[in-house]
């Protein structure tokens, strides 16, 4: 998995690039693919909820071409997102 950090427009405050990259490698991460509006020339954006190795809960918005990942925005999960993440990962189905 390769990340493209050139021209990043957000400044992670409590989230480092390393934490973000590790959250993508979380085997329990939840990737959310929104319904696409098929607007010409517009890149599809995806969401991911994951934890870094140091257990920081990270929410990111990104796009990918399958090889390269560009993170558009990233922050720590809200309490509601953490609850959703924990509930989804404890669900046996």
N, C-alpha and C. Protein backbone atom coordinates (compact mmCIF):
# COMPACT_ATOMS: atom_id res chain seq x y z
N UNK A 1 0.86 -1.16 0.00
CA UNK A 1 0.00 0.00 0.00
C UNK A 1 0.91 1.23 0.00
N UNK A 2 0.72 2.09 -0.99
CA UNK A 2 1.52 3.30 -1.10
C UNK A 2 0.65 4.52 -0.89
N UNK A 3 1.17 5.49 -0.15
CA UNK A 3 0.44 6.72 0.11
C UNK A 3 1.09 7.87 -0.62
N UNK A 4 0.27 8.76 -1.16
CA UNK A 4 0.74 9.97 -1.81
C UNK A 4 0.42 11.14 -0.86
N UNK A 5 1.45 11.70 -0.24
CA UNK A 5 1.26 12.80 0.71
C UNK A 5 1.57 14.15 0.09
N UNK A 6 1.88 14.20 -1.20
CA UNK A 6 2.22 15.48 -1.82
C UNK A 6 0.99 16.37 -1.89
N UNK A 7 1.18 17.62 -1.56
CA UNK A 7 0.09 18.58 -1.64
C UNK A 7 -1.02 18.34 -0.65
N UNK A 8 -0.73 17.68 0.46
CA UNK A 8 -1.75 17.43 1.48
C UNK A 8 -2.26 18.77 2.00
N UNK A 9 -3.57 18.95 1.99
CA UNK A 9 -4.14 20.24 2.37
C UNK A 9 -4.62 20.30 3.81
N UNK A 10 -4.55 19.20 4.54
CA UNK A 10 -4.97 19.24 5.94
C UNK A 10 -3.75 19.08 6.84
N UNK A 11 -3.84 19.63 8.00
CA UNK A 11 -2.77 19.54 8.99
C UNK A 11 -3.21 18.65 10.13
N UNK A 12 -2.74 17.41 10.17
CA UNK A 12 -3.13 16.56 11.28
C UNK A 12 -2.56 17.09 12.59
N UNK A 13 -3.44 17.31 13.56
CA UNK A 13 -3.00 17.83 14.85
C UNK A 13 -2.71 16.68 15.80
N UNK A 14 -3.70 15.90 16.11
CA UNK A 14 -3.52 14.79 17.05
C UNK A 14 -3.27 13.48 16.32
N UNK A 15 -3.17 13.54 15.00
CA UNK A 15 -3.01 12.34 14.19
C UNK A 15 -1.76 12.49 13.32
N UNK A 16 -0.87 11.53 13.41
CA UNK A 16 0.35 11.59 12.60
C UNK A 16 0.15 10.77 11.31
N UNK A 17 1.01 11.00 10.34
CA UNK A 17 0.94 10.22 9.10
C UNK A 17 1.13 8.74 9.39
N UNK A 18 2.02 8.44 10.33
CA UNK A 18 2.27 7.04 10.70
C UNK A 18 0.99 6.41 11.25
N UNK A 19 0.27 7.12 12.14
CA UNK A 19 -1.00 6.61 12.68
C UNK A 19 -2.01 6.38 11.57
N UNK A 20 -2.07 7.31 10.63
CA UNK A 20 -3.01 7.19 9.51
C UNK A 20 -2.68 5.96 8.68
N UNK A 21 -1.42 5.80 8.31
CA UNK A 21 -1.01 4.65 7.50
C UNK A 21 -1.29 3.34 8.23
N UNK A 22 -1.02 3.31 9.53
CA UNK A 22 -1.27 2.10 10.32
C UNK A 22 -2.76 1.79 10.40
N UNK A 23 -3.61 2.81 10.45
CA UNK A 23 -5.06 2.56 10.52
C UNK A 23 -5.58 1.89 9.26
N UNK A 24 -4.92 2.12 8.12
CA UNK A 24 -5.30 1.47 6.86
C UNK A 24 -4.92 -0.01 6.88
N UNK A 25 -3.91 -0.36 7.68
CA UNK A 25 -3.46 -1.74 7.77
C UNK A 25 -4.15 -2.52 8.88
N UNK A 26 -5.03 -1.86 9.63
CA UNK A 26 -5.79 -2.51 10.70
C UNK A 26 -6.66 -3.61 10.08
N UNK A 27 -6.46 -4.87 10.50
CA UNK A 27 -7.26 -5.96 9.91
C UNK A 27 -8.74 -5.86 10.26
N UNK A 28 -9.09 -5.05 11.25
CA UNK A 28 -10.48 -4.88 11.65
C UNK A 28 -11.06 -3.55 11.17
N UNK A 29 -10.32 -2.84 10.32
CA UNK A 29 -10.80 -1.55 9.84
C UNK A 29 -12.12 -1.72 9.08
N UNK A 30 -12.89 -0.66 9.09
CA UNK A 30 -14.18 -0.65 8.40
C UNK A 30 -14.08 0.36 7.28
N UNK A 31 -14.21 -0.13 6.06
CA UNK A 31 -14.17 0.74 4.88
C UNK A 31 -15.60 0.95 4.40
N UNK A 32 -15.93 2.20 4.19
CA UNK A 32 -17.28 2.55 3.77
C UNK A 32 -17.20 3.15 2.38
N UNK A 33 -17.92 2.53 1.47
CA UNK A 33 -17.97 2.98 0.09
C UNK A 33 -19.32 3.65 -0.15
N UNK A 34 -19.35 4.97 -0.24
CA UNK A 34 -20.63 5.66 -0.43
C UNK A 34 -21.21 5.40 -1.82
N UNK A 35 -22.51 5.62 -1.94
CA UNK A 35 -23.14 5.51 -3.25
C UNK A 35 -22.59 6.62 -4.13
N UNK A 36 -22.25 6.26 -5.37
CA UNK A 36 -21.65 7.24 -6.27
C UNK A 36 -22.70 7.92 -7.12
N UNK A 37 -22.50 9.21 -7.33
CA UNK A 37 -23.41 10.00 -8.16
C UNK A 37 -22.96 10.06 -9.61
N UNK A 38 -21.87 9.34 -9.92
CA UNK A 38 -21.33 9.30 -11.28
C UNK A 38 -21.24 10.67 -11.93
N UNK A 39 -20.61 11.60 -11.24
CA UNK A 39 -20.38 12.93 -11.80
C UNK A 39 -19.08 12.86 -12.60
N UNK A 40 -19.14 13.28 -13.84
CA UNK A 40 -17.97 13.19 -14.72
C UNK A 40 -16.81 14.01 -14.16
N UNK A 41 -15.62 13.41 -14.17
CA UNK A 41 -14.43 14.10 -13.73
C UNK A 41 -14.25 14.19 -12.23
N UNK A 42 -15.12 13.56 -11.49
CA UNK A 42 -15.04 13.62 -10.03
C UNK A 42 -14.55 12.29 -9.48
N UNK A 43 -13.60 12.36 -8.54
CA UNK A 43 -13.05 11.15 -7.96
C UNK A 43 -13.95 10.63 -6.86
N UNK A 44 -14.08 9.32 -6.78
CA UNK A 44 -14.86 8.70 -5.71
C UNK A 44 -14.09 8.83 -4.40
N UNK A 45 -14.78 9.21 -3.36
CA UNK A 45 -14.17 9.34 -2.04
C UNK A 45 -14.69 8.22 -1.16
N UNK A 46 -13.82 7.67 -0.35
CA UNK A 46 -14.16 6.58 0.54
C UNK A 46 -13.82 6.96 1.98
N UNK A 47 -14.38 6.22 2.93
CA UNK A 47 -14.16 6.46 4.35
C UNK A 47 -13.59 5.21 4.98
N UNK A 48 -12.77 5.39 6.00
CA UNK A 48 -12.23 4.25 6.72
C UNK A 48 -12.17 4.58 8.21
N UNK A 49 -12.57 3.61 9.01
CA UNK A 49 -12.43 3.67 10.46
C UNK A 49 -11.43 2.58 10.83
N UNK A 50 -10.34 2.97 11.47
CA UNK A 50 -9.34 1.98 11.84
C UNK A 50 -8.52 2.46 13.03
N UNK A 51 -7.74 1.55 13.57
CA UNK A 51 -6.88 1.87 14.72
C UNK A 51 -5.42 1.70 14.32
N UNK A 52 -4.60 2.60 14.86
CA UNK A 52 -3.15 2.50 14.64
C UNK A 52 -2.60 1.44 15.59
N UNK A 53 -1.33 1.11 15.43
CA UNK A 53 -0.70 0.13 16.30
C UNK A 53 -0.72 0.59 17.75
N UNK A 54 -0.62 1.91 17.96
CA UNK A 54 -0.68 2.46 19.31
C UNK A 54 -2.12 2.65 19.79
N UNK A 55 -3.07 2.05 19.07
CA UNK A 55 -4.50 2.02 19.42
C UNK A 55 -5.22 3.36 19.30
N UNK A 56 -4.68 4.28 18.49
CA UNK A 56 -5.39 5.53 18.24
C UNK A 56 -6.51 5.28 17.24
N UNK A 57 -7.74 5.67 17.57
CA UNK A 57 -8.85 5.48 16.65
C UNK A 57 -8.87 6.59 15.58
N UNK A 58 -8.78 6.21 14.31
CA UNK A 58 -8.62 7.17 13.22
C UNK A 58 -9.78 7.05 12.22
N UNK A 59 -10.32 8.21 11.82
CA UNK A 59 -11.31 8.31 10.75
C UNK A 59 -10.63 9.04 9.60
N UNK A 60 -10.68 8.49 8.39
CA UNK A 60 -10.07 9.14 7.23
C UNK A 60 -11.00 9.12 6.03
N UNK A 61 -10.87 10.14 5.22
CA UNK A 61 -11.52 10.23 3.92
C UNK A 61 -10.39 10.13 2.90
N UNK A 62 -10.57 9.27 1.88
CA UNK A 62 -9.49 9.05 0.93
C UNK A 62 -10.02 8.69 -0.44
N UNK A 63 -9.14 8.71 -1.42
CA UNK A 63 -9.44 8.14 -2.74
C UNK A 63 -8.28 7.24 -3.10
N UNK A 64 -8.54 6.33 -3.99
CA UNK A 64 -7.50 5.40 -4.42
C UNK A 64 -7.74 4.98 -5.87
N UNK A 65 -6.64 4.62 -6.52
CA UNK A 65 -6.76 4.03 -7.85
C UNK A 65 -6.47 2.53 -7.77
N UNK A 66 -6.42 2.00 -6.54
CA UNK A 66 -6.15 0.59 -6.33
C UNK A 66 -4.72 0.33 -5.91
N UNK A 67 -3.80 1.22 -6.27
CA UNK A 67 -2.40 1.09 -5.90
C UNK A 67 -1.97 2.22 -4.96
N UNK A 68 -2.36 3.41 -5.32
CA UNK A 68 -1.94 4.61 -4.60
C UNK A 68 -3.11 5.16 -3.79
N UNK A 69 -2.86 5.52 -2.55
CA UNK A 69 -3.88 6.09 -1.68
C UNK A 69 -3.55 7.54 -1.39
N UNK A 70 -4.55 8.41 -1.50
CA UNK A 70 -4.38 9.82 -1.14
C UNK A 70 -5.41 10.14 -0.07
N UNK A 71 -4.91 10.48 1.11
CA UNK A 71 -5.80 10.83 2.22
C UNK A 71 -6.18 12.30 2.06
N UNK A 72 -7.49 12.55 1.99
CA UNK A 72 -8.01 13.90 1.81
C UNK A 72 -8.17 14.58 3.16
N UNK A 73 -8.61 13.80 4.16
CA UNK A 73 -8.83 14.34 5.50
C UNK A 73 -8.71 13.21 6.50
N UNK A 74 -8.20 13.53 7.68
CA UNK A 74 -8.07 12.51 8.72
C UNK A 74 -8.16 13.17 10.09
N UNK A 75 -8.76 12.44 11.04
CA UNK A 75 -8.90 12.93 12.41
C UNK A 75 -9.13 11.74 13.32
N UNK A 76 -9.15 11.99 14.63
CA UNK A 76 -9.49 10.93 15.58
C UNK A 76 -11.00 10.68 15.48
N UNK A 77 -11.40 9.43 15.70
CA UNK A 77 -12.82 9.08 15.66
C UNK A 77 -13.57 9.81 16.77
N UNK A 78 -14.84 10.12 16.50
CA UNK A 78 -15.72 10.65 17.54
C UNK A 78 -16.13 9.48 18.43
N UNK A 79 -16.67 9.74 19.62
CA UNK A 79 -17.15 8.64 20.48
C UNK A 79 -18.18 7.75 19.77
N UNK A 80 -19.05 8.35 18.97
CA UNK A 80 -20.06 7.58 18.25
C UNK A 80 -19.42 6.66 17.21
N UNK A 81 -18.40 7.16 16.52
CA UNK A 81 -17.69 6.35 15.53
C UNK A 81 -16.94 5.21 16.20
N UNK A 82 -16.34 5.48 17.37
CA UNK A 82 -15.65 4.41 18.12
C UNK A 82 -16.63 3.32 18.54
N UNK A 83 -17.81 3.73 18.99
CA UNK A 83 -18.85 2.77 19.38
C UNK A 83 -19.25 1.93 18.18
N UNK A 84 -19.45 2.55 17.01
CA UNK A 84 -19.80 1.84 15.78
C UNK A 84 -18.70 0.85 15.42
N UNK A 85 -17.44 1.29 15.45
CA UNK A 85 -16.29 0.43 15.14
C UNK A 85 -16.26 -0.78 16.08
N UNK A 86 -16.37 -0.51 17.37
CA UNK A 86 -16.31 -1.59 18.37
C UNK A 86 -17.48 -2.56 18.20
N UNK A 87 -18.68 -2.03 17.95
CA UNK A 87 -19.86 -2.87 17.79
C UNK A 87 -19.74 -3.75 16.55
N UNK A 88 -19.29 -3.15 15.43
CA UNK A 88 -19.14 -3.92 14.19
C UNK A 88 -18.10 -5.04 14.34
N UNK A 89 -17.05 -4.78 15.09
CA UNK A 89 -15.99 -5.77 15.26
C UNK A 89 -16.32 -6.82 16.31
N UNK A 90 -17.33 -6.57 17.13
CA UNK A 90 -17.72 -7.59 18.11
C UNK A 90 -18.91 -8.41 17.61
N UNK A 91 -19.50 -8.01 16.49
CA UNK A 91 -20.63 -8.71 15.90
C UNK A 91 -20.14 -10.01 15.25
N UNK A 92 -20.68 -11.18 15.68
CA UNK A 92 -20.20 -12.45 15.14
C UNK A 92 -20.58 -12.65 13.67
N UNK A 93 -21.53 -11.91 13.13
CA UNK A 93 -21.93 -12.07 11.73
C UNK A 93 -21.12 -11.19 10.91
